[in-house]
Amino acid sequence: MHNSITDIEGIKVGHASDLKGYTGCTVILCEKGMVCGIDIRGSASGTRQVDALSVNHIVEQVHAILLCGGSSFGLDATAGVMRYLEERGIGFDVGVAKIPICPTAVIFDLAFGDPRARPTADMGYEACMNAGVIVQEGSVGAGTGATVGKLFELPRAMKGGLGTSSIIMPDGLIVAALVVVNAFGDIIDNITGKIIAGARIAPDKMEFADTVKCLKQGFRKRQFGLTNTTLAVVATNACFNKKEITKVAQMAQAGLIKTISPVHTTFDGDLVFAISVGDRDADINNVGVLSDFVIAEAVKRAVKKADGFGIVPAFKDIRKGWKTR
């Protein structure tokens, strides 16, 4: 097992990364189909085809989930995933064609790299071609340009990224998560309660400002920005319908609440996809609690494995010091 979302049979993950423009996309593929729900808590989300996840929608399964940088421009990468699936005859059968169902969500990373660099349809296709069971973490795919702790904008922020985690129960139940961490708030170690990445007191200092403390003292973010959003996907090999898996997505939000502070702000588009792949019998509440755990672990792994590319410091720079470049 890989301690990743791909520990669930049938799921593959692929990245496409632009290391010049500092953006990218990540696809979660399940070509046999998966039941999917969503819970959106942030106020600035950017999505495509999430209407198919409504319990009232005729579509029962999705075939991929795409997470992208590039803000709304990045939604174009979905076309590449759909092309990949269509070539393989995978999709919702409408008689004259099979239409791949690929819910997509984006983060805003335009300020970190080149604002003209966005994930394209070709990158969506490339991510599918790269899909496998080994999941690279950190500043890769949709996490390439992710940042955290942006109360004082990018010069005093730190690097976010992409992380994954899983838990396997003795009875064979698996719950796993993949998270792209691009938060307005600070990242908290939910075991120690300490900040591990976030807003800093000065561009050349590694001391944390503590975003919540600053807000409590009356500091206001003067300029509204959509530079944030944490995207999470939680998966299980338990068998759930749309209504049930949507409840899992709601409960899984607790993992973000425990590790991002503040979370679900007006500056964030935070959301959780939840997917059911398998036929195991399981209790919704048990899976919801495990989802909370694996999301929290994936958030921490995302920042601990991140690379700041010399633009902003990453977690790994804390001990060795940071000098502006």
C-alpha atoms as a PDB file:
ATOM      1  CA  MET A   1       0.000   0.000   0.000  1.00  0.00           C
ATOM      2  CA  HIS A   2       1.123   3.566  -0.718  1.00  0.00           C
ATOM      3  CA  ASN A   3      -0.611   5.658   1.987  1.00  0.00           C
ATOM      4  CA  SER A   4      -2.459   7.406  -0.826  1.00  0.00           C
ATOM      5  CA  ILE A   5      -5.849   7.648  -2.461  1.00  0.00           C
ATOM      6  CA  THR A   6      -4.717   5.024  -4.970  1.00  0.00           C
ATOM      7  CA  ASP A   7      -4.808   2.393  -2.224  1.00  0.00           C
ATOM      8  CA  ILE A   8      -8.443   2.079  -3.279  1.00  0.00           C
ATOM      9  CA  GLU A   9      -8.630  -0.355  -6.168  1.00  0.00           C
ATOM     10  CA  GLY A  10      -9.626   1.244  -9.454  1.00  0.00           C
ATOM     11  CA  ILE A  11      -8.384   4.755  -8.644  1.00  0.00           C
ATOM     12  CA  LYS A  12      -5.378   6.264 -10.424  1.00  0.00           C
ATOM     13  CA  VAL A  13      -3.874   9.741 -10.082  1.00  0.00           C
ATOM     14  CA  GLY A  14      -1.953  11.725 -12.673  1.00  0.00           C
ATOM     15  CA  HIS A  15      -0.293  15.150 -12.716  1.00  0.00           C
ATOM     16  CA  ALA A  16       0.679  17.660 -15.359  1.00  0.00           C
ATOM     17  CA  SER A  17       2.949  20.445 -14.078  1.00  0.00           C
ATOM     18  CA  ASP A  18       4.134  23.674 -15.690  1.00  0.00           C
ATOM     19  CA  LEU A  19       7.353  24.468 -13.812  1.00  0.00           C
ATOM     20  CA  LYS A  20       7.947  27.648 -15.801  1.00  0.00           C
ATOM     21  CA  GLY A  21       4.561  29.251 -15.254  1.00  0.00           C
ATOM     22  CA  TYR A  22       4.100  27.466 -11.887  1.00  0.00           C
ATOM     23  CA  THR A  23       0.685  25.937 -12.382  1.00  0.00           C
ATOM     24  CA  GLY A  24      -0.728  22.509 -13.171  1.00  0.00           C
ATOM     25  CA  CYS A  25      -3.545  20.020 -12.863  1.00  0.00           C
ATOM     26  CA  THR A  26      -4.209  16.700 -11.167  1.00  0.00           C
ATOM     27  CA  VAL A  27      -6.700  14.067 -12.285  1.00  0.00           C
ATOM     28  CA  ILE A  28      -8.288  11.339 -10.184  1.00  0.00           C
ATOM     29  CA  LEU A  29      -9.361   8.637 -12.633  1.00  0.00           C
ATOM     30  CA  CYS A  30     -11.730   5.739 -12.123  1.00  0.00           C
ATOM     31  CA  GLU A  31     -12.659   4.459 -15.527  1.00  0.00           C
ATOM     32  CA  LYS A  32     -15.236   1.972 -14.210  1.00  0.00           C
ATOM     33  CA  GLY A  33     -17.142   4.863 -12.635  1.00  0.00           C
ATOM     34  CA  MET A  34     -17.613   6.162  -9.111  1.00  0.00           C
ATOM     35  CA  VAL A  35     -20.495   7.607  -7.108  1.00  0.00           C
ATOM     36  CA  CYS A  36     -19.638  11.185  -6.168  1.00  0.00           C
ATOM     37  CA  GLY A  37     -20.931  13.916  -3.884  1.00  0.00           C
ATOM     38  CA  ILE A  38     -19.704  17.404  -3.037  1.00  0.00           C
ATOM     39  CA  ASP A  39     -19.803  19.883  -0.172  1.00  0.00           C
ATOM     40  CA  ILE A  40     -18.817  23.513  -0.816  1.00  0.00           C
ATOM     41  CA  ARG A  41     -18.110  25.771   2.169  1.00  0.00           C
ATOM     42  CA  GLY A  42     -15.953  28.543   0.731  1.00  0.00           C
ATOM     43  CA  SER A  43     -17.395  31.662  -0.907  1.00  0.00           C
ATOM     44  CA  ALA A  44     -15.152  31.863  -3.981  1.00  0.00           C
ATOM     45  CA  SER A  45     -15.255  28.439  -5.636  1.00  0.00           C
ATOM     46  CA  GLY A  46     -14.651  27.840  -9.346  1.00  0.00           C
ATOM     47  CA  THR A  47     -16.148  24.643 -10.750  1.00  0.00           C
ATOM     48  CA  ARG A  48     -17.396  22.803 -13.819  1.00  0.00           C
ATOM     49  CA  GLN A  49     -19.979  20.014 -14.142  1.00  0.00           C
ATOM     50  CA  VAL A  50     -20.616  19.746 -10.390  1.00  0.00           C
ATOM     51  CA  ASP A  51     -24.351  19.939 -11.138  1.00  0.00           C
ATOM     52  CA  ALA A  52     -24.053  16.236 -12.045  1.00  0.00           C
ATOM     53  CA  LEU A  53     -23.381  15.545  -8.356  1.00  0.00           C
ATOM     54  CA  SER A  54     -26.820  16.683  -7.230  1.00  0.00           C
ATOM     55  CA  VAL A  55     -28.971  13.879  -5.823  1.00  0.00           C
ATOM     56  CA  ASN A  56     -31.652  14.993  -8.301  1.00  0.00           C
ATOM     57  CA  HIS A  57     -29.388  14.679 -11.351  1.00  0.00           C
ATOM     58  CA  ILE A  58     -29.896  11.741 -13.705  1.00  0.00           C
ATOM     59  CA  VAL A  59     -26.165  10.895 -13.842  1.00  0.00           C
ATOM     60  CA  GLU A  60     -25.302   8.265 -11.246  1.00  0.00           C
ATOM     61  CA  GLN A  61     -21.526   8.014 -11.690  1.00  0.00           C
ATOM     62  CA  VAL A  62     -18.549  10.158 -12.650  1.00  0.00           C
ATOM     63  CA  HIS A  63     -15.418   8.896 -14.410  1.00  0.00           C
ATOM     64  CA  ALA A  64     -12.823  11.442 -13.284  1.00  0.00           C
ATOM     65  CA  ILE A  65     -12.317  14.420 -10.997  1.00  0.00           C
ATOM     66  CA  LEU A  66      -9.966  17.174 -12.119  1.00  0.00           C
ATOM     67  CA  LEU A  67      -8.256  19.669  -9.815  1.00  0.00           C
ATOM     68  CA  CYS A  68      -6.554  22.630 -11.507  1.00  0.00           C
ATOM     69  CA  GLY A  69      -4.605  25.797 -11.051  1.00  0.00           C
ATOM     70  CA  GLY A  70      -5.242  28.792 -13.290  1.00  0.00           C
ATOM     71  CA  SER A  71      -8.460  29.980 -11.650  1.00  0.00           C
ATOM     72  CA  SER A  72     -11.460  29.833 -14.016  1.00  0.00           C
ATOM     73  CA  PHE A  73      -9.105  29.640 -17.004  1.00  0.00           C
ATOM     74  CA  GLY A  74      -7.954  26.253 -15.710  1.00  0.00           C
ATOM     75  CA  LEU A  75     -11.406  24.773 -16.256  1.00  0.00           C
ATOM     76  CA  ASP A  76     -10.430  24.407 -19.927  1.00  0.00           C
ATOM     77  CA  ALA A  77      -8.201  21.466 -18.941  1.00  0.00           C
ATOM     78  CA  THR A  78     -11.349  19.394 -18.447  1.00  0.00           C
ATOM     79  CA  ALA A  79     -11.658  19.059 -22.218  1.00  0.00           C
ATOM     80  CA  GLY A  80      -8.426  17.069 -22.294  1.00  0.00           C
ATOM     81  CA  VAL A  81      -9.678  14.620 -19.674  1.00  0.00           C
ATOM     82  CA  MET A  82     -12.937  14.202 -21.574  1.00  0.00           C
ATOM     83  CA  ARG A  83     -11.003  13.564 -24.804  1.00  0.00           C
ATOM     84  CA  TYR A  84      -8.893  10.908 -23.080  1.00  0.00           C
ATOM     85  CA  LEU A  85     -11.975   9.119 -21.738  1.00  0.00           C
ATOM     86  CA  GLU A  86     -13.967   9.455 -24.966  1.00  0.00           C
ATOM     87  CA  GLU A  87     -11.142   7.833 -26.938  1.00  0.00           C
ATOM     88  CA  ARG A  88     -11.522   4.831 -24.656  1.00  0.00           C
ATOM     89  CA  GLY A  89     -15.301   4.657 -24.940  1.00  0.00           C
ATOM     90  CA  ILE A  90     -15.853   5.766 -21.342  1.00  0.00           C
ATOM     91  CA  GLY A  91     -18.765   7.991 -20.384  1.00  0.00           C
ATOM     92  CA  PHE A  92     -22.480   8.386 -19.752  1.00  0.00           C
ATOM     93  CA  ASP A  93     -24.274   6.567 -22.548  1.00  0.00           C
ATOM     94  CA  VAL A  94     -26.704   8.864 -24.372  1.00  0.00           C
ATOM     95  CA  GLY A  95     -27.234   6.499 -27.290  1.00  0.00           C
ATOM     96  CA  VAL A  96     -25.340   8.383 -29.973  1.00  0.00           C
ATOM     97  CA  ALA A  97     -22.259   8.935 -27.827  1.00  0.00           C
ATOM     98  CA  LYS A  98     -20.734   8.354 -24.428  1.00  0.00           C
ATOM     99  CA  ILE A  99     -20.181  11.589 -22.538  1.00  0.00           C
ATOM    100  CA  PRO A 100     -17.422  11.467 -19.885  1.00  0.00           C
ATOM    101  CA  ILE A 101     -18.473  13.028 -16.595  1.00  0.00           C
ATOM    102  CA  CYS A 102     -15.579  14.946 -15.045  1.00  0.00           C
ATOM    103  CA  PRO A 103     -16.408  17.395 -12.232  1.00  0.00           C
ATOM    104  CA  THR A 104     -13.645  19.993 -12.004  1.00  0.00           C
ATOM    105  CA  ALA A 105     -12.581  22.551  -9.390  1.00  0.00           C
ATOM    106  CA  VAL A 106      -9.846  25.178  -9.506  1.00  0.00           C
ATOM    107  CA  ILE A 107      -7.529  27.147  -7.259  1.00  0.00           C
ATOM    108  CA  PHE A 108      -6.223  30.663  -7.878  1.00  0.00           C
ATOM    109  CA  ASP A 109      -2.463  30.483  -8.397  1.00  0.00           C
ATOM    110  CA  LEU A 110      -2.033  33.279 -10.954  1.00  0.00           C
ATOM    111  CA  ALA A 111      -0.109  35.495  -8.531  1.00  0.00           C
ATOM    112  CA  PHE A 112       2.556  32.894  -7.725  1.00  0.00           C
ATOM    113  CA  GLY A 113       3.912  32.320 -11.223  1.00  0.00           C
ATOM    114  CA  ASP A 114       3.138  33.657 -14.668  1.00  0.00           C
ATOM    115  CA  PRO A 115      -0.498  34.906 -14.634  1.00  0.00           C
ATOM    116  CA  ARG A 116      -0.735  34.010 -18.326  1.00  0.00           C
ATOM    117  CA  ALA A 117       0.166  30.367 -17.634  1.00  0.00           C
ATOM    118  CA  ARG A 118      -2.905  28.198 -17.176  1.00  0.00           C
ATOM    119  CA  PRO A 119      -3.595  24.457 -17.394  1.00  0.00           C
ATOM    120  CA  THR A 120      -4.742  23.618 -20.913  1.00  0.00           C
ATOM    121  CA  ALA A 121      -6.732  20.794 -22.483  1.00  0.00           C
ATOM    122  CA  ASP A 122      -3.435  19.216 -23.517  1.00  0.00           C
ATOM    123  CA  MET A 123      -2.291  19.275 -19.881  1.00  0.00           C
ATOM    124  CA  GLY A 124      -5.534  17.597 -18.816  1.00  0.00           C
ATOM    125  CA  TYR A 125      -4.858  14.864 -21.365  1.00  0.00           C
ATOM    126  CA  GLU A 126      -1.223  14.601 -20.216  1.00  0.00           C
ATOM    127  CA  ALA A 127      -2.335  14.174 -16.596  1.00  0.00           C
ATOM    128  CA  CYS A 128      -4.510  11.229 -17.662  1.00  0.00           C
ATOM    129  CA  MET A 129      -1.611   9.677 -19.573  1.00  0.00           C
ATOM    130  CA  ASN A 130       0.552  10.036 -16.457  1.00  0.00           C
ATOM    131  CA  ALA A 131      -2.028   8.446 -14.154  1.00  0.00           C
ATOM    132  CA  GLY A 132      -0.897   5.559 -11.981  1.00  0.00           C
ATOM    133  CA  VAL A 133      -0.884   4.300  -8.410  1.00  0.00           C
ATOM    134  CA  ILE A 134       2.254   6.155  -7.238  1.00  0.00           C
ATOM    135  CA  VAL A 135       1.233   9.692  -6.282  1.00  0.00           C
ATOM    136  CA  GLN A 136       3.879  12.396  -6.209  1.00  0.00           C
ATOM    137  CA  GLU A 137       3.199  14.983  -3.484  1.00  0.00           C
ATOM    138  CA  GLY A 138       4.161  18.577  -2.762  1.00  0.00           C
ATOM    139  CA  SER A 139       4.548  21.253  -5.429  1.00  0.00           C
ATOM    140  CA  VAL A 140       3.239  19.195  -8.305  1.00  0.00           C
ATOM    141  CA  GLY A 141       0.107  19.098 -10.463  1.00  0.00           C
ATOM    142  CA  ALA A 142      -2.640  21.302  -9.060  1.00  0.00           C
ATOM    143  CA  GLY A 143      -0.371  22.028  -6.086  1.00  0.00           C
ATOM    144  CA  THR A 144       2.453  23.518  -8.178  1.00  0.00           C
ATOM    145  CA  GLY A 145       1.498  27.139  -7.505  1.00  0.00           C
ATOM    146  CA  ALA A 146      -0.400  26.672  -4.238  1.00  0.00           C
ATOM    147  CA  THR A 147       0.385  28.969  -1.300  1.00  0.00           C
ATOM    148  CA  VAL A 148      -0.897  29.450   2.279  1.00  0.00           C
ATOM    149  CA  GLY A 149      -1.079  32.190   4.903  1.00  0.00           C
ATOM    150  CA  LYS A 150      -2.012  35.174   2.741  1.00  0.00           C
ATOM    151  CA  LEU A 151      -3.336  37.696   5.226  1.00  0.00           C
ATOM    152  CA  PHE A 152      -0.451  39.987   4.182  1.00  0.00           C
ATOM    153  CA  GLU A 153      -0.412  38.837   0.545  1.00  0.00           C
ATOM    154  CA  LEU A 154       2.209  36.680  -1.163  1.00  0.00           C
ATOM    155  CA  PRO A 155       5.456  38.328   0.115  1.00  0.00           C
ATOM    156  CA  ARG A 156       4.676  37.125   3.637  1.00  0.00           C
ATOM    157  CA  ALA A 157       3.013  33.817   2.690  1.00  0.00           C
ATOM    158  CA  MET A 158       4.404  30.285   2.507  1.00  0.00           C
ATOM    159  CA  LYS A 159       4.190  27.443   0.027  1.00  0.00           C
ATOM    160  CA  GLY A 160       1.223  25.100  -0.097  1.00  0.00           C
ATOM    161  CA  GLY A 161       0.963  21.981  -2.201  1.00  0.00           C
ATOM    162  CA  LEU A 162      -0.682  18.620  -2.755  1.00  0.00           C
ATOM    163  CA  GLY A 163      -0.833  15.736  -0.299  1.00  0.00           C
ATOM    164  CA  THR A 164      -2.507  12.365   0.023  1.00  0.00           C
ATOM    165  CA  SER A 165      -3.151   9.874   2.809  1.00  0.00           C
ATOM    166  CA  SER A 166      -5.102   6.691   3.524  1.00  0.00           C
ATOM    167  CA  ILE A 167      -6.214   4.461   6.363  1.00  0.00           C
ATOM    168  CA  ILE A 168      -6.923   0.734   6.026  1.00  0.00           C
ATOM    169  CA  MET A 169      -9.128  -0.892   8.644  1.00  0.00           C
ATOM    170  CA  PRO A 170      -8.761  -4.521   9.794  1.00  0.00           C
ATOM    171  CA  ASP A 171     -11.977  -5.499   7.974  1.00  0.00           C
ATOM    172  CA  GLY A 172     -10.640  -4.177   4.649  1.00  0.00           C
ATOM    173  CA  LEU A 173     -12.474  -0.851   4.643  1.00  0.00           C
ATOM    174  CA  ILE A 174     -10.289   1.868   3.107  1.00  0.00           C
ATOM    175  CA  VAL A 175     -10.762   5.610   3.391  1.00  0.00           C
ATOM    176  CA  ALA A 176      -8.299   7.933   1.652  1.00  0.00           C
ATOM    177  CA  ALA A 177      -7.872  11.546   0.642  1.00  0.00           C
ATOM    178  CA  LEU A 178      -6.038  13.835  -1.739  1.00  0.00           C
ATOM    179  CA  VAL A 179      -5.888  17.558  -0.956  1.00  0.00           C
ATOM    180  CA  VAL A 180      -4.620  20.657  -2.777  1.00  0.00           C
ATOM    181  CA  VAL A 181      -3.812  23.223  -0.072  1.00  0.00           C
ATOM    182  CA  ASN A 182      -3.999  26.834  -1.251  1.00  0.00           C
ATOM    183  CA  ALA A 183      -5.452  28.475   1.844  1.00  0.00           C
ATOM    184  CA  PHE A 184      -5.923  32.047   3.021  1.00  0.00           C
ATOM    185  CA  GLY A 185      -5.368  30.783   6.568  1.00  0.00           C
ATOM    186  CA  ASP A 186      -2.459  29.169   8.401  1.00  0.00           C
ATOM    187  CA  ILE A 187      -1.823  25.413   8.463  1.00  0.00           C
ATOM    188  CA  ILE A 188      -2.068  23.846  11.910  1.00  0.00           C
ATOM    189  CA  ASP A 189      -0.675  20.569  13.193  1.00  0.00           C
ATOM    190  CA  ASN A 190      -3.882  19.247  14.736  1.00  0.00           C
ATOM    191  CA  ILE A 191      -1.914  17.065  17.174  1.00  0.00           C
ATOM    192  CA  THR A 192       0.310  19.784  18.675  1.00  0.00           C
ATOM    193  CA  GLY A 193      -1.882  22.785  17.881  1.00  0.00           C
ATOM    194  CA  LYS A 194       1.125  24.616  16.430  1.00  0.00           C
ATOM    195  CA  ILE A 195       1.280  26.521  13.147  1.00  0.00           C
ATOM    196  CA  ILE A 196       3.487  24.692  10.638  1.00  0.00           C
ATOM    197  CA  ALA A 197       3.012  27.061   7.678  1.00  0.00           C
ATOM    198  CA  GLY A 198       1.310  30.404   7.300  1.00  0.00           C
ATOM    199  CA  ALA A 199       1.509  34.173   7.297  1.00  0.00           C
ATOM    200  CA  ARG A 200       4.838  35.561   8.554  1.00  0.00           C
ATOM    201  CA  ILE A 201       5.685  38.756  10.426  1.00  0.00           C
ATOM    202  CA  ALA A 202       7.945  40.023   7.603  1.00  0.00           C
ATOM    203  CA  PRO A 203       9.077  38.913   4.124  1.00  0.00           C
ATOM    204  CA  ASP A 204      12.539  37.985   5.405  1.00  0.00           C
ATOM    205  CA  LYS A 205      11.438  36.360   8.679  1.00  0.00           C
ATOM    206  CA  MET A 206      10.286  32.826   9.487  1.00  0.00           C
ATOM    207  CA  GLU A 207       8.279  33.819  12.568  1.00  0.00           C
ATOM    208  CA  PHE A 208       4.550  33.255  12.180  1.00  0.00           C
ATOM    209  CA  ALA A 209       2.194  36.218  12.501  1.00  0.00           C
ATOM    210  CA  ASP A 210      -0.755  33.971  13.533  1.00  0.00           C
ATOM    211  CA  THR A 211      -3.599  34.941  11.215  1.00  0.00           C
ATOM    212  CA  VAL A 212      -6.390  34.270  13.719  1.00  0.00           C
ATOM    213  CA  LYS A 213      -4.640  36.329  16.395  1.00  0.00           C
ATOM    214  CA  CYS A 214      -4.230  39.217  13.947  1.00  0.00           C
ATOM    215  CA  LEU A 215      -7.913  39.082  12.985  1.00  0.00           C
ATOM    216  CA  LYS A 216      -8.970  38.974  16.646  1.00  0.00           C
ATOM    217  CA  GLN A 217      -6.887  42.098  17.255  1.00  0.00           C
ATOM    218  CA  GLY A 218      -8.852  43.908  14.555  1.00  0.00           C
ATOM    219  CA  PHE A 219      -6.571  43.620  11.525  1.00  0.00           C
ATOM    220  CA  ARG A 220      -8.557  43.663   8.295  1.00  0.00           C
ATOM    221  CA  LYS A 221      -7.507  42.426   4.913  1.00  0.00           C
ATOM    222  CA  ARG A 222      -7.823  45.659   2.954  1.00  0.00           C
ATOM    223  CA  GLN A 223      -7.907  44.250  -0.549  1.00  0.00           C
ATOM    224  CA  PHE A 224     -10.368  41.543  -1.453  1.00  0.00           C
ATOM    225  CA  GLY A 225      -8.718  38.759  -3.382  1.00  0.00           C
ATOM    226  CA  LEU A 226      -9.599  35.339  -4.735  1.00  0.00           C
ATOM    227  CA  THR A 227      -6.082  34.009  -4.276  1.00  0.00           C
ATOM    228  CA  ASN A 228      -7.067  31.011  -2.196  1.00  0.00           C
ATOM    229  CA  THR A 229      -9.044  27.730  -2.086  1.00  0.00           C
ATOM    230  CA  THR A 230      -8.390  24.268  -0.679  1.00  0.00           C
ATOM    231  CA  LEU A 231      -9.678  21.362  -2.756  1.00  0.00           C
ATOM    232  CA  ALA A 232     -10.119  17.928  -1.205  1.00  0.00           C
ATOM    233  CA  VAL A 233     -11.155  14.541  -2.538  1.00  0.00           C
ATOM    234  CA  VAL A 234     -12.020  11.797  -0.062  1.00  0.00           C
ATOM    235  CA  ALA A 235     -12.587   8.266  -1.306  1.00  0.00           C
ATOM    236  CA  THR A 236     -13.728   4.952   0.109  1.00  0.00           C
ATOM    237  CA  ASN A 237     -14.188   1.393  -1.069  1.00  0.00           C
ATOM    238  CA  ALA A 238     -17.528   1.315   0.775  1.00  0.00           C
ATOM    239  CA  CYS A 239     -20.718   1.247  -1.279  1.00  0.00           C
ATOM    240  CA  PHE A 240     -22.789   4.431  -0.923  1.00  0.00           C
ATOM    241  CA  ASN A 241     -25.407   6.210  -3.020  1.00  0.00           C
ATOM    242  CA  LYS A 242     -25.217   9.914  -3.879  1.00  0.00           C
ATOM    243  CA  LYS A 243     -27.064  11.076  -0.788  1.00  0.00           C
ATOM    244  CA  GLU A 244     -24.896   8.995   1.503  1.00  0.00           C
ATOM    245  CA  ILE A 245     -21.576   9.957  -0.076  1.00  0.00           C
ATOM    246  CA  THR A 246     -22.572  13.626   0.046  1.00  0.00           C
ATOM    247  CA  LYS A 247     -22.971  13.266   3.803  1.00  0.00           C
ATOM    248  CA  VAL A 248     -19.457  11.833   3.943  1.00  0.00           C
ATOM    249  CA  ALA A 249     -18.222  14.948   2.100  1.00  0.00           C
ATOM    250  CA  GLN A 250     -19.908  17.135   4.710  1.00  0.00           C
ATOM    251  CA  MET A 251     -18.329  15.267   7.610  1.00  0.00           C
ATOM    252  CA  ALA A 252     -14.929  15.258   5.895  1.00  0.00           C
ATOM    253  CA  GLN A 253     -14.842  19.065   6.073  1.00  0.00           C
ATOM    254  CA  ALA A 254     -13.839  18.612   9.723  1.00  0.00           C
ATOM    255  CA  GLY A 255     -10.377  17.624   8.502  1.00  0.00           C
ATOM    256  CA  LEU A 256      -9.970  21.057   6.941  1.00  0.00           C
ATOM    257  CA  ILE A 257     -11.370  22.775  10.021  1.00  0.00           C
ATOM    258  CA  LYS A 258      -8.781  21.058  12.232  1.00  0.00           C
ATOM    259  CA  THR A 259      -5.778  21.957  10.073  1.00  0.00           C
ATOM    260  CA  ILE A 260      -6.550  25.315   8.411  1.00  0.00           C
ATOM    261  CA  SER A 261      -7.159  28.431  10.490  1.00  0.00           C
ATOM    262  CA  PRO A 262      -9.209  30.345   9.571  1.00  0.00           C
ATOM    263  CA  VAL A 263     -10.995  28.194   7.007  1.00  0.00           C
ATOM    264  CA  HIS A 264     -14.042  28.645   4.728  1.00  0.00           C
ATOM    265  CA  THR A 265     -13.564  32.420   4.546  1.00  0.00           C
ATOM    266  CA  THR A 266     -14.910  34.825   1.933  1.00  0.00           C
ATOM    267  CA  PHE A 267     -11.456  34.638   0.352  1.00  0.00           C
ATOM    268  CA  ASP A 268     -11.573  30.839  -0.083  1.00  0.00           C
ATOM    269  CA  GLY A 269     -13.462  28.495  -2.397  1.00  0.00           C
ATOM    270  CA  ASP A 270     -13.014  25.447  -0.172  1.00  0.00           C
ATOM    271  CA  LEU A 271     -14.797  22.276  -1.212  1.00  0.00           C
ATOM    272  CA  VAL A 272     -14.715  18.520  -0.673  1.00  0.00           C
ATOM    273  CA  PHE A 273     -15.538  15.866  -3.257  1.00  0.00           C
ATOM    274  CA  ALA A 274     -16.380  12.431  -1.845  1.00  0.00           C
ATOM    275  CA  ILE A 275     -16.323   9.287  -3.964  1.00  0.00           C
ATOM    276  CA  SER A 276     -17.515   5.746  -3.410  1.00  0.00           C
ATOM    277  CA  VAL A 277     -15.738   2.982  -5.294  1.00  0.00           C
ATOM    278  CA  GLY A 278     -16.439  -0.574  -4.212  1.00  0.00           C
ATOM    279  CA  ASP A 279     -19.048  -2.839  -2.706  1.00  0.00           C
ATOM    280  CA  ARG A 280     -18.168  -2.990   0.988  1.00  0.00           C
ATOM    281  CA  ASP A 281     -20.842  -2.453   3.598  1.00  0.00           C
ATOM    282  CA  ALA A 282     -19.935   0.395   5.967  1.00  0.00           C
ATOM    283  CA  ASP A 283     -21.542   2.922   8.278  1.00  0.00           C
ATOM    284  CA  ILE A 284     -21.682   6.514   7.009  1.00  0.00           C
ATOM    285  CA  ASN A 285     -20.616   7.954  10.360  1.00  0.00           C
ATOM    286  CA  ASN A 286     -17.612   5.641  10.635  1.00  0.00           C
ATOM    287  CA  VAL A 287     -16.460   6.573   7.139  1.00  0.00           C
ATOM    288  CA  GLY A 288     -17.112  10.256   7.859  1.00  0.00           C
ATOM    289  CA  VAL A 289     -14.861  10.200  10.932  1.00  0.00           C
ATOM    290  CA  LEU A 290     -12.112   8.385   9.020  1.00  0.00           C
ATOM    291  CA  SER A 291     -12.472  10.925   6.200  1.00  0.00           C
ATOM    292  CA  ASP A 292     -11.877  13.734   8.672  1.00  0.00           C
ATOM    293  CA  PHE A 293      -8.652  11.977   9.756  1.00  0.00           C
ATOM    294  CA  VAL A 294      -7.185  11.311   6.298  1.00  0.00           C
ATOM    295  CA  ILE A 295      -7.962  14.822   5.060  1.00  0.00           C
ATOM    296  CA  ALA A 296      -6.128  16.319   8.049  1.00  0.00           C
ATOM    297  CA  GLU A 297      -3.141  14.077   7.356  1.00  0.00           C
ATOM    298  CA  ALA A 298      -3.148  14.958   3.645  1.00  0.00           C
ATOM    299  CA  VAL A 299      -3.204  18.695   4.418  1.00  0.00           C
ATOM    300  CA  LYS A 300      -0.117  18.402   6.600  1.00  0.00           C
ATOM    301  CA  ARG A 301       1.705  16.245   4.051  1.00  0.00           C
ATOM    302  CA  ALA A 302       0.925  18.802   1.336  1.00  0.00           C
ATOM    303  CA  VAL A 303       2.810  21.600   3.083  1.00  0.00           C
ATOM    304  CA  LYS A 304       5.573  19.422   4.508  1.00  0.00           C
ATOM    305  CA  LYS A 305       6.486  18.137   1.044  1.00  0.00           C
ATOM    306  CA  ALA A 306       6.140  21.485  -0.757  1.00  0.00           C
ATOM    307  CA  ASP A 307       8.908  23.353  -2.584  1.00  0.00           C
ATOM    308  CA  GLY A 308       8.839  27.156  -2.626  1.00  0.00           C
ATOM    309  CA  PHE A 309      10.921  27.376  -5.839  1.00  0.00           C
ATOM    310  CA  GLY A 310      12.835  30.291  -4.298  1.00  0.00           C
ATOM    311  CA  ILE A 311       9.710  32.488  -4.487  1.00  0.00           C
ATOM    312  CA  VAL A 312       8.259  31.957  -0.994  1.00  0.00           C
ATOM    313  CA  PRO A 313       9.545  29.747   1.827  1.00  0.00           C
ATOM    314  CA  ALA A 314       8.254  26.219   2.318  1.00  0.00           C
ATOM    315  CA  PHE A 315       7.970  24.152   5.489  1.00  0.00           C
ATOM    316  CA  LYS A 316      11.345  22.562   4.821  1.00  0.00           C
ATOM    317  CA  ASP A 317      12.949  26.031   4.872  1.00  0.00           C
ATOM    318  CA  ILE A 318      11.925  26.730   8.474  1.00  0.00           C
ATOM    319  CA  ARG A 319      14.845  24.940  10.105  1.00  0.00           C
ATOM    320  CA  LYS A 320      17.530  25.876   7.611  1.00  0.00           C
ATOM    321  CA  GLY A 321      16.459  29.503   7.474  1.00  0.00           C
ATOM    322  CA  TRP A 322      15.123  31.622   4.651  1.00  0.00           C
ATOM    323  CA  LYS A 323      16.621  34.471   2.708  1.00  0.00           C
ATOM    324  CA  THR A 324      14.643  36.456   0.161  1.00  0.00           C
ATOM    325  CA  ARG A 325      15.832  35.978  -3.412  1.00  0.00           C
END
